[in-house]
């Protein structure tokens, strides 16, 4: 399984656009939008200028024709306005102020009412057979009631529009091309710098590498360079913290080693007088030197029990010291756990004494597992001893069964149970439950040693308990040889 942290994105199945592609695309989109806006504004202004020029031409034609035809003979005036219409490309009509047409050089003159309104307005915009036009009216110098009305067509495409569009396209293409190349270059350089920093940081995250890592060379003076400098400051702080941690860890390990050695030495020194005390107690109890009174036998039994309990405590301390120092080595061999459980149940009779507690086994008649016989017996014996010690009445059941590739040993009692808060600390060193458990003698190392021995075998221990109902300890040990 990869230890690489997940990407900090809202959806891990979507990858963001790379900056190298995104920057040029954004520049091109912005450039096209700006060029389109400029082109639209330019075409609008060209259209307005074209309309204005059509108005000026209409006024000029009307004024000039009015002056010329007023000097001509009425018989040739029609020819004159037709000639002017052909040369200027305009439509010309001579009307009275009442709207009556006197001379017509158009493809189709508007009706009298429309002409009358145009004469009154003087100039404006109208739609004729030529299309959309600008018109202007000018009175004849010789007759103020007769007007020359000229219609000049407004081009559909503004004059100069094609040239403007071509120039704008060329300029836009050039500018967008240059901007895109620049954006691509900047984005590429930024991506390379970021990739370089990312690679250096990723190397630091590889297992078995230096925790603090190495400083990353600053290659740029931009934001990426500032980020790199900040990261280097963080690396320096990590390195300082790591050195302090290593010094503290070395001192702690030395202290743990000294403590383990001290405990081992003291435990060994205690073993000798304890064995002597237990030996003499057994000799006295056997009445080799003469019969004992009831009081003397009770007192010697108390001495023997206290010595045996102290010997168990010393054994726990020695085992814990060996585990802490890494000196305990397992000697695995095929072991019948079901037979071992039955032997432990038989031996537990001395623990039950006169309590109304029934101890029995359940499950498989035989289940062979590849474990250390001595340590497996120690684990199950500890669980069974605790169950009997904290159960005042009822029963204690040891069940052996096969759970896939593990041998499962369950020790179930009908004792007072363990609170949820105690369940989280009961496997810790020197930890004991509150309430009923504080009344019992012990170092608080038994379950800690049992769990560590189970882990060394490649197994585990779990606890299930409820107040007033009892507790169940489940031990899993591998059946096959661990590779």
Protein backbone atom coordinates (compact mmCIF):
# COMPACT_ATOMS: atom_id res chain seq x y z
CA UNK A 1 0.00 0.00 0.00
CA UNK A 2 1.32 3.40 -0.91
CA UNK A 3 2.14 5.87 1.88
CA UNK A 4 1.73 8.84 -0.42
CA UNK A 5 -0.81 11.33 1.00
CA UNK A 6 -3.98 12.00 -1.01
CA UNK A 7 -4.22 15.03 -3.22
CA UNK A 8 -5.91 17.99 -1.54
CA UNK A 9 -8.70 18.28 -4.05
CA UNK A 10 -12.43 18.14 -3.57
CA UNK A 11 -12.72 15.01 -5.72
CA UNK A 12 -9.74 12.68 -5.96
CA UNK A 13 -10.95 11.15 -9.26
CA UNK A 14 -10.67 14.47 -11.13
CA UNK A 15 -7.30 15.91 -12.09
CA UNK A 16 -6.97 19.69 -12.50
CA UNK A 17 -5.85 21.21 -15.80
CA UNK A 18 -2.07 21.61 -15.94
CA UNK A 19 -0.85 25.19 -15.78
CA UNK A 20 1.19 24.77 -18.98
CA UNK A 21 -2.03 24.28 -21.01
CA UNK A 22 -4.36 26.43 -18.93
CA UNK A 23 -2.32 29.66 -19.13
CA UNK A 24 -2.06 29.83 -22.98
CA UNK A 25 -5.75 28.89 -23.35
CA UNK A 26 -6.80 31.66 -20.98
CA UNK A 27 -4.58 34.17 -22.80
CA UNK A 28 -6.08 33.16 -26.17
CA UNK A 29 -9.65 33.38 -24.85
CA UNK A 30 -9.06 36.81 -23.33
CA UNK A 31 -7.33 38.03 -26.50
CA UNK A 32 -10.17 36.86 -28.75
CA UNK A 33 -12.75 38.46 -26.45
CA UNK A 34 -10.90 41.80 -26.47
CA UNK A 35 -10.42 41.70 -30.27
CA UNK A 36 -14.13 40.93 -30.75
CA UNK A 37 -15.11 43.86 -28.57
CA UNK A 38 -12.74 46.21 -30.40
CA UNK A 39 -14.03 44.98 -33.79
CA UNK A 40 -17.66 45.46 -32.77
CA UNK A 41 -16.94 48.99 -31.56
CA UNK A 42 -15.00 49.84 -34.75
CA UNK A 43 -17.73 48.50 -37.04
CA UNK A 44 -20.34 50.47 -35.11
CA UNK A 45 -18.36 53.66 -35.53
CA UNK A 46 -17.82 52.93 -39.25
CA UNK A 47 -21.56 52.39 -39.69
CA UNK A 48 -22.29 55.73 -38.05
CA UNK A 49 -19.70 57.47 -40.24
CA UNK A 50 -21.17 55.85 -43.39
CA UNK A 51 -24.64 57.06 -42.46
CA UNK A 52 -23.34 60.56 -41.85
CA UNK A 53 -21.62 60.58 -45.24
CA UNK A 54 -24.85 59.48 -46.93
CA UNK A 55 -26.67 62.40 -45.27
CA UNK A 56 -24.02 64.89 -46.40
CA UNK A 57 -24.16 63.58 -49.99
CA UNK A 58 -27.97 63.83 -50.03
CA UNK A 59 -27.83 67.46 -48.84
CA UNK A 60 -25.09 68.29 -51.32
CA UNK A 61 -26.97 66.75 -54.28
CA UNK A 62 -30.25 68.45 -53.35
CA UNK A 63 -28.64 71.86 -52.92
CA UNK A 64 -26.53 71.68 -56.07
CA UNK A 65 -29.38 70.37 -58.27
CA UNK A 66 -31.74 73.01 -56.90
CA UNK A 67 -29.39 75.79 -57.92
CA UNK A 68 -28.74 74.27 -61.39
CA UNK A 69 -32.23 73.34 -62.49
CA UNK A 70 -33.61 76.68 -61.35
CA UNK A 71 -31.54 78.23 -64.16
CA UNK A 72 -32.57 75.65 -66.77
CA UNK A 73 -35.52 75.66 -69.06
CA UNK A 74 -38.36 73.55 -67.58
CA UNK A 75 -38.28 71.34 -70.66
CA UNK A 76 -34.79 70.03 -69.94
CA UNK A 77 -35.01 69.84 -66.16
CA UNK A 78 -36.09 66.16 -66.19
CA UNK A 79 -33.07 65.19 -68.29
CA UNK A 80 -30.84 67.12 -65.92
CA UNK A 81 -32.05 65.36 -62.74
CA UNK A 82 -31.96 61.94 -64.45
CA UNK A 83 -28.36 62.57 -65.52
CA UNK A 84 -27.46 63.66 -61.99
CA UNK A 85 -29.14 60.55 -60.55
CA UNK A 86 -27.17 58.23 -62.84
CA UNK A 87 -23.86 59.92 -62.06
CA UNK A 88 -24.35 60.12 -58.29
CA UNK A 89 -26.20 56.83 -57.86
CA UNK A 90 -28.94 58.61 -56.00
CA UNK A 91 -32.69 58.97 -56.55
CA UNK A 92 -33.99 62.49 -57.18
CA UNK A 93 -37.51 63.82 -57.20
CA UNK A 94 -38.78 67.41 -57.55
CA UNK A 95 -41.92 68.01 -55.48
CA UNK A 96 -44.05 70.86 -54.31
CA UNK A 97 -44.56 71.61 -50.66
CA UNK A 98 -47.97 69.99 -51.03
CA UNK A 99 -46.34 66.63 -51.92
CA UNK A 100 -47.19 66.74 -55.62
CA UNK A 101 -44.39 65.35 -57.86
CA UNK A 102 -43.29 67.56 -60.74
CA UNK A 103 -40.16 65.67 -61.87
CA UNK A 104 -39.30 62.06 -60.94
CA UNK A 105 -35.93 60.31 -61.40
CA UNK A 106 -36.55 57.47 -58.93
CA UNK A 107 -37.33 53.76 -59.20
CA UNK A 108 -40.59 54.50 -57.43
CA UNK A 109 -41.36 57.67 -55.52
CA UNK A 110 -43.09 57.55 -52.11
CA UNK A 111 -46.70 58.68 -51.85
CA UNK A 112 -47.68 62.37 -51.61
CA UNK A 113 -48.19 62.37 -47.86
CA UNK A 114 -44.77 60.83 -47.25
CA UNK A 115 -43.14 63.33 -49.63
CA UNK A 116 -44.92 66.22 -47.94
CA UNK A 117 -43.64 65.03 -44.52
CA UNK A 118 -40.09 64.65 -45.90
CA UNK A 119 -40.15 68.19 -47.33
CA UNK A 120 -41.34 69.49 -44.01
CA UNK A 121 -38.63 67.58 -42.09
CA UNK A 122 -35.84 68.64 -44.46
CA UNK A 123 -33.68 65.50 -43.92
CA UNK A 124 -33.86 62.04 -42.38
CA UNK A 125 -33.92 58.32 -43.16
CA UNK A 126 -36.34 56.49 -45.44
CA UNK A 127 -36.72 53.15 -47.17
CA UNK A 128 -37.15 53.25 -50.94
CA UNK A 129 -36.77 50.78 -53.81
CA UNK A 130 -33.00 51.14 -53.34
CA UNK A 131 -33.30 50.04 -49.74
CA UNK A 132 -32.31 51.97 -46.66
CA UNK A 133 -31.48 55.59 -47.62
CA UNK A 134 -30.78 59.03 -46.24
CA UNK A 135 -32.76 61.91 -47.82
CA UNK A 136 -32.41 65.72 -47.88
CA UNK A 137 -34.72 68.44 -49.29
CA UNK A 138 -33.56 71.80 -50.77
CA UNK A 139 -35.84 74.57 -52.11
CA UNK A 140 -35.30 75.98 -55.56
CA UNK A 141 -33.83 79.49 -55.43
CA UNK A 142 -36.40 80.58 -58.04
CA UNK A 143 -39.44 79.06 -56.26
CA UNK A 144 -39.58 78.55 -52.50
CA UNK A 145 -42.57 76.15 -52.86
CA UNK A 146 -40.68 73.64 -55.06
CA UNK A 147 -38.08 71.31 -53.55
CA UNK A 148 -35.41 68.94 -54.83
CA UNK A 149 -35.57 65.75 -52.73
CA UNK A 150 -32.52 63.44 -52.99
CA UNK A 151 -32.26 59.83 -51.68
CA UNK A 152 -28.73 58.39 -51.11
CA UNK A 153 -28.51 54.65 -50.31
CA UNK A 154 -26.79 53.61 -47.08
CA UNK A 155 -24.42 50.68 -47.85
CA UNK A 156 -25.25 47.42 -46.08
CA UNK A 157 -21.62 46.99 -45.07
CA UNK A 158 -19.95 50.10 -43.64
CA UNK A 159 -17.28 51.53 -45.84
CA UNK A 160 -13.84 50.29 -44.74
CA UNK A 161 -15.29 47.37 -42.75
CA UNK A 162 -13.44 44.62 -44.69
CA UNK A 163 -10.14 46.43 -44.28
CA UNK A 164 -10.80 46.94 -40.57
CA UNK A 165 -11.69 43.28 -40.09
CA UNK A 166 -8.61 42.09 -41.97
CA UNK A 167 -6.30 44.42 -40.04
CA UNK A 168 -7.90 43.46 -36.76
CA UNK A 169 -7.59 39.75 -37.51
CA UNK A 170 -3.93 40.10 -38.44
CA UNK A 171 -3.14 42.18 -35.35
CA UNK A 172 -5.13 39.89 -33.07
CA UNK A 173 -3.43 36.80 -34.46
CA UNK A 174 -0.02 38.35 -33.98
CA UNK A 175 -0.66 39.59 -30.45
CA UNK A 176 -2.42 36.42 -29.31
CA UNK A 177 0.37 34.30 -30.78
CA UNK A 178 3.05 36.29 -28.98
CA UNK A 179 1.06 36.36 -25.72
CA UNK A 180 0.36 32.62 -25.93
CA UNK A 181 4.03 31.81 -26.47
CA UNK A 182 5.02 34.05 -23.55
CA UNK A 183 2.32 32.56 -21.30
CA UNK A 184 3.36 29.04 -22.27
CA UNK A 185 7.00 29.81 -21.54
CA UNK A 186 6.22 31.36 -18.16
CA UNK A 187 3.86 28.52 -17.22
CA UNK A 188 6.37 25.91 -18.36
CA UNK A 189 9.16 27.48 -16.31
CA UNK A 190 6.86 27.70 -13.28
CA UNK A 191 5.81 24.06 -13.74
CA UNK A 192 9.42 22.95 -14.00
CA UNK A 193 10.31 24.84 -10.82
CA UNK A 194 7.30 23.43 -8.98
CA UNK A 195 8.02 19.91 -10.25
CA UNK A 196 11.62 20.25 -9.10
CA UNK A 197 10.57 21.32 -5.61
CA UNK A 198 7.87 18.62 -5.51
CA UNK A 199 10.38 15.94 -6.48
CA UNK A 200 12.81 17.04 -3.79
CA UNK A 201 10.05 17.06 -1.19
CA UNK A 202 8.78 13.64 -2.34
CA UNK A 203 12.27 12.19 -1.91
CA UNK A 204 12.20 13.37 1.69
CA UNK A 205 8.93 11.48 2.26
CA UNK A 206 10.41 8.14 1.17
CA UNK A 207 10.81 5.60 3.96
CA UNK A 208 14.28 5.17 5.45
CA UNK A 209 15.31 8.63 4.25
CA UNK A 210 16.50 11.39 6.52
CA UNK A 211 13.42 12.63 8.46
CA UNK A 212 14.35 16.30 8.23
CA UNK A 213 15.47 16.10 4.60
CA UNK A 214 17.86 18.39 2.78
CA UNK A 215 17.54 22.01 1.78
CA UNK A 216 16.15 22.62 -1.72
CA UNK A 217 18.26 24.95 -3.91
CA UNK A 218 16.45 28.24 -4.69
CA UNK A 219 16.51 28.58 -8.50
CA UNK A 220 14.15 31.55 -8.99
CA UNK A 221 13.26 34.79 -7.23
CA UNK A 222 9.52 34.59 -7.87
CA UNK A 223 6.75 33.09 -5.75
CA UNK A 224 8.16 29.59 -6.23
CA UNK A 225 11.52 30.82 -4.95
CA UNK A 226 9.81 32.38 -1.92
CA UNK A 227 8.01 29.09 -1.28
CA UNK A 228 11.30 27.19 -1.56
CA UNK A 229 12.97 29.56 0.92
CA UNK A 230 10.09 29.11 3.38
CA UNK A 231 10.35 25.33 2.96
CA UNK A 232 14.09 25.48 3.63
CA UNK A 233 13.41 27.39 6.85
CA UNK A 234 10.96 24.64 7.82
CA UNK A 235 13.57 21.97 7.01
CA UNK A 236 16.06 23.76 9.25
CA UNK A 237 13.58 23.81 12.10
CA UNK A 238 12.80 20.12 11.55
CA UNK A 239 16.48 19.29 11.57
CA UNK A 240 16.99 21.14 14.86
CA UNK A 241 13.96 19.39 16.35
CA UNK A 242 15.19 16.02 15.03
CA UNK A 243 18.61 16.45 16.64
CA UNK A 244 16.97 17.35 19.95
CA UNK A 245 14.66 14.34 19.61
CA UNK A 246 17.56 12.01 18.86
CA UNK A 247 19.44 13.28 21.93
CA UNK A 248 16.37 12.80 24.12
CA UNK A 249 15.70 9.37 22.61
CA UNK A 250 19.30 8.28 23.26
CA UNK A 251 19.05 9.39 26.86
CA UNK A 252 15.67 7.66 27.24
CA UNK A 253 17.00 4.41 25.77
CA UNK A 254 20.00 4.54 28.05
CA UNK A 255 17.71 5.11 31.02
CA UNK A 256 15.44 2.22 29.94
CA UNK A 257 18.46 -0.04 29.54
CA UNK A 258 19.76 0.89 32.96
CA UNK A 259 16.30 0.36 34.48
CA UNK A 260 15.92 -3.04 32.81
CA UNK A 261 19.36 -4.09 33.96
CA UNK A 262 18.62 -2.88 37.48
CA UNK A 263 15.31 -4.76 37.58
CA UNK A 264 16.93 -7.91 36.24
CA UNK A 265 19.74 -7.70 38.78
CA UNK A 266 17.39 -7.05 41.70
CA UNK A 267 15.02 -9.79 40.56
CA UNK A 268 17.83 -12.31 40.36
CA UNK A 269 19.08 -11.27 43.79
CA UNK A 270 15.57 -11.71 45.18
CA UNK A 271 15.15 -15.16 43.65
CA UNK A 272 17.83 -16.76 45.84
CA UNK A 273 16.37 -15.84 49.28
CA UNK A 274 12.85 -16.44 47.99
CA UNK A 275 13.69 -19.95 46.88
CA UNK A 276 15.22 -20.56 50.30
CA UNK A 277 12.11 -19.25 52.07
CA UNK A 278 9.82 -21.41 49.92
CA UNK A 279 12.03 -24.46 50.39
CA UNK A 280 12.09 -24.16 54.20
CA UNK A 281 8.33 -23.52 54.21
CA UNK A 282 7.75 -26.73 52.23
CA UNK A 283 10.06 -28.63 54.65
CA UNK A 284 8.15 -27.35 57.67
CA UNK A 285 4.80 -28.13 56.03
CA UNK A 286 5.95 -31.72 55.42
CA UNK A 287 6.44 -32.06 59.23
CA UNK A 288 9.84 -33.67 58.81
CA UNK A 289 11.01 -32.02 62.04
CA UNK A 290 7.87 -32.95 63.92
CA UNK A 291 4.15 -32.37 63.90
CA UNK A 292 2.77 -28.81 63.63
CA UNK A 293 -0.05 -27.29 65.54
CA UNK A 294 -3.01 -25.82 63.62
CA UNK A 295 -1.84 -22.24 64.27
CA UNK A 296 1.72 -23.02 63.19
CA UNK A 297 0.51 -24.75 60.01
CA UNK A 298 -1.66 -21.71 59.16
CA UNK A 299 1.21 -19.29 59.73
CA UNK A 300 3.63 -21.36 57.65
CA UNK A 301 1.00 -21.59 54.87
CA UNK A 302 0.74 -17.80 54.88
CA UNK A 303 4.52 -17.56 54.61
CA UNK A 304 4.50 -20.02 51.70
CA UNK A 305 1.67 -18.25 49.86
CA UNK A 306 3.31 -14.84 50.34
CA UNK A 307 6.61 -16.21 49.11
CA UNK A 308 4.97 -17.82 46.08
CA UNK A 309 3.18 -14.56 45.27
CA UNK A 310 6.43 -12.62 45.60
CA UNK A 311 8.13 -15.17 43.34
CA UNK A 312 5.41 -14.63 40.72
CA UNK A 313 5.96 -10.87 40.93
CA UNK A 314 9.68 -11.29 40.47
CA UNK A 315 9.02 -13.54 37.47
CA UNK A 316 6.76 -10.91 35.91
CA UNK A 317 9.42 -8.25 36.41
CA UNK A 318 12.08 -10.48 34.81
CA UNK A 319 9.84 -11.26 31.82
CA UNK A 320 8.93 -7.61 31.36
CA UNK A 321 12.58 -6.58 31.54
CA UNK A 322 13.45 -9.18 28.90
CA UNK A 323 10.66 -7.95 26.65
CA UNK A 324 11.68 -4.32 27.11
CA UNK A 325 15.31 -5.11 26.36
CA UNK A 326 14.45 -7.31 23.36
CA UNK A 327 16.25 -10.27 24.92
CA UNK A 328 13.29 -12.66 25.01
CA UNK A 329 13.43 -15.19 22.16
CA UNK A 330 10.62 -17.61 21.30
CA UNK A 331 11.30 -21.32 20.89
CA UNK A 332 8.48 -22.46 18.65
CA UNK A 333 7.35 -26.05 18.37
CA UNK A 334 4.12 -27.90 17.51
CA UNK A 335 1.95 -27.64 20.65
CA UNK A 336 -1.49 -29.10 21.40
CA UNK A 337 -3.29 -26.08 22.80
CA UNK A 338 -6.42 -28.05 23.72
CA UNK A 339 -4.39 -30.45 25.88
CA UNK A 340 -2.52 -27.52 27.41
CA UNK A 341 -5.84 -25.84 28.29
CA UNK A 342 -7.10 -28.99 30.02
CA UNK A 343 -3.87 -29.22 32.05
CA UNK A 344 -4.17 -25.61 33.14
CA UNK A 345 -7.79 -26.14 34.19
CA UNK A 346 -6.76 -29.11 36.35
CA UNK A 347 -3.94 -27.12 37.94
CA UNK A 348 -6.29 -24.20 38.65
CA UNK A 349 -7.97 -26.16 41.43
CA UNK A 350 -5.49 -24.70 43.92
CA UNK A 351 -6.63 -21.20 42.88
CA UNK A 352 -10.31 -21.90 43.30
CA UNK A 353 -9.94 -23.18 46.89
CA UNK A 354 -13.35 -23.05 48.57
CA UNK A 355 -15.00 -20.51 46.21
CA UNK A 356 -18.19 -21.66 44.44
CA UNK A 357 -16.54 -21.41 41.01
CA UNK A 358 -16.63 -24.17 38.41
CA UNK A 359 -13.76 -24.21 35.88
CA UNK A 360 -14.14 -26.25 32.71
CA UNK A 361 -13.01 -26.50 29.06
CA UNK A 362 -14.94 -26.49 25.79
CA UNK A 363 -14.24 -26.82 22.12
CA UNK A 364 -11.78 -28.98 20.19
CA UNK A 365 -10.28 -32.09 21.71
CA UNK A 366 -7.00 -31.41 19.95
CA UNK A 367 -5.63 -28.34 18.18
CA UNK A 368 -1.94 -28.18 17.31
CA UNK A 369 -0.31 -24.79 16.73
CA UNK A 370 3.28 -23.77 16.02
CA UNK A 371 4.02 -21.71 19.15
CA UNK A 372 6.43 -21.47 22.07
CA UNK A 373 4.90 -23.99 24.54
CA UNK A 374 6.22 -22.22 27.64
CA UNK A 375 5.06 -18.76 26.56
CA UNK A 376 1.70 -19.96 25.23
CA UNK A 377 1.11 -21.66 28.58
CA UNK A 378 2.14 -18.46 30.33
CA UNK A 379 -0.38 -16.39 28.33
CA UNK A 380 -3.33 -18.75 28.85
CA UNK A 381 -2.36 -19.32 32.49
CA UNK A 382 -2.35 -15.59 33.12
CA UNK A 383 -5.78 -15.14 31.54
CA UNK A 384 -7.18 -18.14 33.43
CA UNK A 385 -5.64 -17.04 36.74
CA UNK A 386 -7.11 -13.55 36.40
CA UNK A 387 -10.53 -14.96 35.55
CA UNK A 388 -10.53 -17.19 38.66
CA UNK A 389 -9.09 -14.46 40.87
CA UNK A 390 -11.82 -11.94 40.02
CA UNK A 391 -14.73 -14.42 39.92
CA UNK A 392 -16.29 -15.02 43.33
CA UNK A 393 -19.05 -17.35 42.14
CA UNK A 394 -20.22 -18.87 38.88
CA UNK A 395 -17.98 -20.44 36.30
CA UNK A 396 -14.88 -19.93 34.19
CA UNK A 397 -14.80 -21.49 30.71
CA UNK A 398 -11.74 -22.06 28.53
CA UNK A 399 -12.78 -22.73 24.93
CA UNK A 400 -10.33 -23.80 22.20
CA UNK A 401 -11.38 -23.60 18.53
CA UNK A 402 -10.00 -23.01 15.02
CA UNK A 403 -10.54 -19.58 13.45
CA UNK A 404 -9.26 -19.86 9.85
CA UNK A 405 -5.45 -19.85 10.17
CA UNK A 406 -5.49 -19.06 13.89
CA UNK A 407 -6.10 -21.05 17.04
CA UNK A 408 -8.66 -19.16 19.12
CA UNK A 409 -8.58 -19.56 22.91
CA UNK A 410 -11.42 -17.86 24.79
CA UNK A 411 -11.37 -17.43 28.57
CA UNK A 412 -14.85 -16.45 29.75
CA UNK A 413 -15.80 -15.69 33.35
CA UNK A 414 -18.93 -14.61 35.25
CA UNK A 415 -17.07 -12.06 37.34
CA UNK A 416 -17.90 -8.41 38.00
CA UNK A 417 -16.86 -7.23 34.54
CA UNK A 418 -14.60 -4.37 33.51
CA UNK A 419 -15.66 -0.78 32.83
CA UNK A 420 -15.12 0.77 29.40
CA UNK A 421 -12.52 3.19 30.76
CA UNK A 422 -10.54 0.34 32.34
CA UNK A 423 -10.70 -1.73 29.15
CA UNK A 424 -8.66 0.92 27.34
CA UNK A 425 -5.82 0.80 29.92
CA UNK A 426 -5.89 -2.74 31.25
CA UNK A 427 -3.19 -3.93 28.81
CA UNK A 428 -0.83 -1.05 29.65
CA UNK A 429 2.22 -1.62 31.82
CA UNK A 430 1.50 -1.33 35.56
CA UNK A 431 -2.17 -0.67 34.73
CA UNK A 432 -4.94 -2.21 36.81
CA UNK A 433 -8.67 -1.67 36.75
CA UNK A 434 -10.41 0.30 39.44
CA UNK A 435 -12.92 -0.96 41.94
CA UNK A 436 -12.67 -4.69 42.59
CA UNK A 437 -9.31 -5.02 40.83
CA UNK A 438 -7.55 -2.53 43.11
CA UNK A 439 -8.20 -4.91 46.01
CA UNK A 440 -6.09 -7.63 44.39
CA UNK A 441 -2.35 -7.83 44.70
CA UNK A 442 -0.20 -7.66 41.60
CA UNK A 443 2.22 -5.61 39.53
CA UNK A 444 -0.18 -4.89 36.70
CA UNK A 445 2.28 -6.51 34.28
CA UNK A 446 0.52 -9.83 33.63
CA UNK A 447 -1.77 -8.70 30.81
CA UNK A 448 0.94 -6.46 29.36
CA UNK A 449 3.32 -9.42 29.14
CA UNK A 450 0.56 -11.65 27.73
CA UNK A 451 -0.29 -9.19 24.97
CA UNK A 452 3.34 -8.66 23.99
CA UNK A 453 3.97 -12.40 23.89
CA UNK A 454 0.87 -12.82 21.69
CA UNK A 455 2.15 -10.13 19.33
CA UNK A 456 5.56 -11.78 19.18
CA UNK A 457 3.81 -14.97 18.03
CA UNK A 458 2.00 -13.02 15.31
CA UNK A 459 -1.31 -13.13 17.20
CA UNK A 460 -3.36 -10.78 19.33
CA UNK A 461 -5.56 -10.50 22.44
CA UNK A 462 -8.95 -8.80 22.58
CA UNK A 463 -11.29 -8.12 25.48
CA UNK A 464 -15.08 -8.06 25.65
CA UNK A 465 -16.67 -7.20 28.98
CA UNK A 466 -19.78 -5.72 30.60
CA UNK A 467 -20.34 -4.76 34.23
CA UNK A 468 -22.31 -7.35 36.17
CA UNK A 469 -22.10 -9.92 33.37
CA UNK A 470 -18.45 -10.92 33.15
CA UNK A 471 -15.47 -10.74 30.80
CA UNK A 472 -14.20 -12.70 27.82
CA UNK A 473 -10.55 -12.59 26.75
CA UNK A 474 -9.89 -13.90 23.24
CA UNK A 475 -6.40 -15.04 22.25
CA UNK A 476 -5.45 -15.73 18.62
CA UNK A 477 -2.25 -17.70 17.94
CA UNK A 478 -1.10 -18.75 14.45
CA UNK A 479 -1.51 -22.42 13.64
CA UNK A 480 1.13 -22.57 10.92
CA UNK A 481 4.76 -21.52 11.10
CA UNK A 482 5.17 -17.78 10.49
CA UNK A 483 7.54 -16.83 7.69
